[in-house]
Amino acid sequence: MGRDGLVVVLFVHHFLLVVLLGLLHLLLDVLVFELLLVLVVVELLQLLVLVQLKLWTRSSRL
């Protein structure tokens, strides 16, 4: 076993660490993307509400 076994263990450990970090990075990217999507949707809804309010106040004045 000796030194070769240690090298294999270190390599596998390093490989698993890289894979886990990669998965974490993908997960974070997805979360950030979803957050941005939610923010965009909220902004669009606010715009819609503002437009509706303007139209409603304009029609109620007439």
N, C-alpha and C. Protein backbone atom coordinates (compact mmCIF):
# COMPACT_ATOMS: atom_id res chain seq x y z
N MET A 1 0.87 -1.19 0.00
CA MET A 1 0.00 0.00 0.00
C MET A 1 0.90 1.23 0.00
N GLY A 2 1.48 1.58 1.10
CA GLY A 2 2.50 2.62 1.19
C GLY A 2 2.15 3.94 0.54
N ARG A 3 3.11 4.45 -0.22
CA ARG A 3 3.00 5.80 -0.79
C ARG A 3 1.98 5.87 -1.92
N ASP A 4 1.92 4.84 -2.75
CA ASP A 4 0.97 4.84 -3.87
C ASP A 4 -0.48 4.94 -3.36
N GLY A 5 -0.77 4.20 -2.30
CA GLY A 5 -2.12 4.24 -1.72
C GLY A 5 -2.46 5.63 -1.22
N LEU A 6 -1.49 6.28 -0.60
CA LEU A 6 -1.69 7.63 -0.09
C LEU A 6 -1.98 8.60 -1.23
N VAL A 7 -1.23 8.45 -2.32
CA VAL A 7 -1.44 9.31 -3.50
C VAL A 7 -2.86 9.11 -4.05
N VAL A 8 -3.29 7.86 -4.13
CA VAL A 8 -4.64 7.55 -4.63
C VAL A 8 -5.69 8.17 -3.72
N VAL A 9 -5.52 8.04 -2.40
CA VAL A 9 -6.47 8.60 -1.44
C VAL A 9 -6.53 10.11 -1.58
N LEU A 10 -5.37 10.77 -1.68
CA LEU A 10 -5.33 12.22 -1.85
C LEU A 10 -6.00 12.64 -3.15
N PHE A 11 -5.73 11.88 -4.22
CA PHE A 11 -6.32 12.20 -5.52
C PHE A 11 -7.84 12.09 -5.47
N VAL A 12 -8.35 11.02 -4.88
CA VAL A 12 -9.80 10.81 -4.78
C VAL A 12 -10.41 11.91 -3.92
N HIS A 13 -9.74 12.24 -2.81
CA HIS A 13 -10.24 13.29 -1.92
C HIS A 13 -10.30 14.62 -2.66
N HIS A 14 -9.24 14.93 -3.40
CA HIS A 14 -9.18 16.17 -4.17
C HIS A 14 -10.28 16.19 -5.23
N PHE A 15 -10.46 15.05 -5.91
CA PHE A 15 -11.47 14.94 -6.95
C PHE A 15 -12.87 15.17 -6.39
N LEU A 16 -13.17 14.54 -5.24
CA LEU A 16 -14.47 14.71 -4.61
C LEU A 16 -14.69 16.16 -4.18
N LEU A 17 -13.64 16.80 -3.67
CA LEU A 17 -13.72 18.19 -3.25
C LEU A 17 -14.05 19.08 -4.45
N VAL A 18 -13.36 18.83 -5.56
CA VAL A 18 -13.60 19.63 -6.78
C VAL A 18 -15.03 19.42 -7.27
N VAL A 19 -15.50 18.17 -7.26
CA VAL A 19 -16.86 17.88 -7.70
C VAL A 19 -17.89 18.58 -6.81
N LEU A 20 -17.66 18.51 -5.49
CA LEU A 20 -18.58 19.15 -4.55
C LEU A 20 -18.60 20.67 -4.74
N LEU A 21 -17.42 21.26 -4.93
CA LEU A 21 -17.35 22.70 -5.16
C LEU A 21 -18.06 23.07 -6.46
N GLY A 22 -17.89 22.23 -7.48
CA GLY A 22 -18.56 22.47 -8.76
C GLY A 22 -20.07 22.42 -8.62
N LEU A 23 -20.57 21.43 -7.88
CA LEU A 23 -22.01 21.32 -7.65
C LEU A 23 -22.53 22.51 -6.86
N LEU A 24 -21.76 22.92 -5.85
CA LEU A 24 -22.14 24.07 -5.04
C LEU A 24 -22.21 25.32 -5.90
N HIS A 25 -21.23 25.46 -6.79
CA HIS A 25 -21.20 26.62 -7.68
C HIS A 25 -22.41 26.63 -8.60
N LEU A 26 -22.76 25.47 -9.15
CA LEU A 26 -23.94 25.36 -10.01
C LEU A 26 -25.20 25.72 -9.23
N LEU A 27 -25.29 25.21 -8.01
CA LEU A 27 -26.45 25.48 -7.17
C LEU A 27 -26.57 26.98 -6.89
N LEU A 28 -25.43 27.61 -6.57
CA LEU A 28 -25.44 29.04 -6.30
C LEU A 28 -25.84 29.82 -7.54
N ASP A 29 -25.32 29.40 -8.71
CA ASP A 29 -25.70 30.06 -9.96
C ASP A 29 -27.20 29.98 -10.18
N VAL A 30 -27.77 28.81 -9.94
CA VAL A 30 -29.22 28.62 -10.13
C VAL A 30 -29.98 29.50 -9.15
N LEU A 31 -29.51 29.55 -7.89
CA LEU A 31 -30.19 30.37 -6.87
C LEU A 31 -30.14 31.85 -7.24
N VAL A 32 -28.95 32.29 -7.69
CA VAL A 32 -28.81 33.70 -8.08
C VAL A 32 -29.72 34.00 -9.25
N PHE A 33 -29.77 33.07 -10.23
CA PHE A 33 -30.62 33.25 -11.40
C PHE A 33 -32.08 33.34 -10.98
N GLU A 34 -32.50 32.46 -10.07
CA GLU A 34 -33.90 32.48 -9.61
C GLU A 34 -34.21 33.77 -8.86
N LEU A 35 -33.25 34.25 -8.06
CA LEU A 35 -33.45 35.51 -7.35
C LEU A 35 -33.62 36.66 -8.33
N LEU A 36 -32.78 36.68 -9.36
CA LEU A 36 -32.88 37.74 -10.37
C LEU A 36 -34.23 37.65 -11.09
N LEU A 37 -34.66 36.42 -11.39
CA LEU A 37 -35.94 36.22 -12.05
C LEU A 37 -37.08 36.75 -11.19
N VAL A 38 -37.03 36.43 -9.89
CA VAL A 38 -38.07 36.91 -8.96
C VAL A 38 -38.07 38.43 -8.91
N LEU A 39 -36.87 39.03 -8.86
CA LEU A 39 -36.79 40.49 -8.82
C LEU A 39 -37.39 41.11 -10.07
N VAL A 40 -37.09 40.53 -11.24
CA VAL A 40 -37.63 41.05 -12.49
C VAL A 40 -39.16 40.94 -12.48
N VAL A 41 -39.68 39.81 -12.03
CA VAL A 41 -41.14 39.62 -11.99
C VAL A 41 -41.78 40.64 -11.05
N VAL A 42 -41.15 40.87 -9.89
CA VAL A 42 -41.68 41.84 -8.92
C VAL A 42 -41.68 43.24 -9.54
N GLU A 43 -40.59 43.60 -10.24
CA GLU A 43 -40.53 44.91 -10.89
C GLU A 43 -41.65 45.05 -11.93
N LEU A 44 -41.86 44.01 -12.72
CA LEU A 44 -42.91 44.05 -13.75
C LEU A 44 -44.29 44.20 -13.10
N LEU A 45 -44.52 43.48 -12.00
CA LEU A 45 -45.80 43.59 -11.30
C LEU A 45 -46.00 45.00 -10.75
N GLN A 46 -44.93 45.59 -10.21
CA GLN A 46 -45.03 46.96 -9.70
C GLN A 46 -45.37 47.92 -10.83
N LEU A 47 -44.74 47.74 -11.98
CA LEU A 47 -45.05 48.58 -13.14
C LEU A 47 -46.50 48.44 -13.55
N LEU A 48 -46.98 47.19 -13.59
CA LEU A 48 -48.38 46.95 -13.95
C LEU A 48 -49.32 47.64 -12.98
N VAL A 49 -49.03 47.52 -11.69
CA VAL A 49 -49.88 48.14 -10.68
C VAL A 49 -49.88 49.66 -10.85
N LEU A 50 -48.70 50.24 -11.09
CA LEU A 50 -48.61 51.69 -11.29
C LEU A 50 -49.42 52.12 -12.50
N VAL A 51 -49.30 51.39 -13.60
CA VAL A 51 -50.06 51.72 -14.81
C VAL A 51 -51.55 51.61 -14.54
N GLN A 52 -51.95 50.54 -13.86
CA GLN A 52 -53.37 50.36 -13.54
C GLN A 52 -53.88 51.51 -12.66
N LEU A 53 -53.09 51.91 -11.67
CA LEU A 53 -53.49 53.01 -10.80
C LEU A 53 -53.62 54.31 -11.59
N LYS A 54 -52.68 54.55 -12.50
CA LYS A 54 -52.75 55.77 -13.31
C LYS A 54 -53.99 55.77 -14.19
N LEU A 55 -54.24 54.61 -14.82
CA LEU A 55 -55.43 54.51 -15.67
C LEU A 55 -56.70 54.67 -14.83
N TRP A 56 -56.72 54.07 -13.64
CA TRP A 56 -57.89 54.11 -12.78
C TRP A 56 -58.15 55.54 -12.29
N THR A 57 -57.07 56.23 -11.88
CA THR A 57 -57.26 57.60 -11.42
C THR A 57 -57.67 58.51 -12.57
N ARG A 58 -57.13 58.24 -13.76
CA ARG A 58 -57.49 59.04 -14.92
C ARG A 58 -58.96 58.81 -15.28
N SER A 59 -59.40 57.56 -15.24
CA SER A 59 -60.81 57.26 -15.60
C SER A 59 -61.77 57.75 -14.53
N SER A 60 -61.32 57.74 -13.25
CA SER A 60 -62.22 58.20 -12.19
C SER A 60 -62.37 59.74 -12.22
N ARG A 61 -61.38 60.42 -12.77
CA ARG A 61 -61.46 61.87 -12.87
C ARG A 61 -62.47 62.31 -13.94
N LEU A 62 -62.56 61.49 -15.00
CA LEU A 62 -63.44 61.86 -16.12
C LEU A 62 -64.92 61.77 -15.74
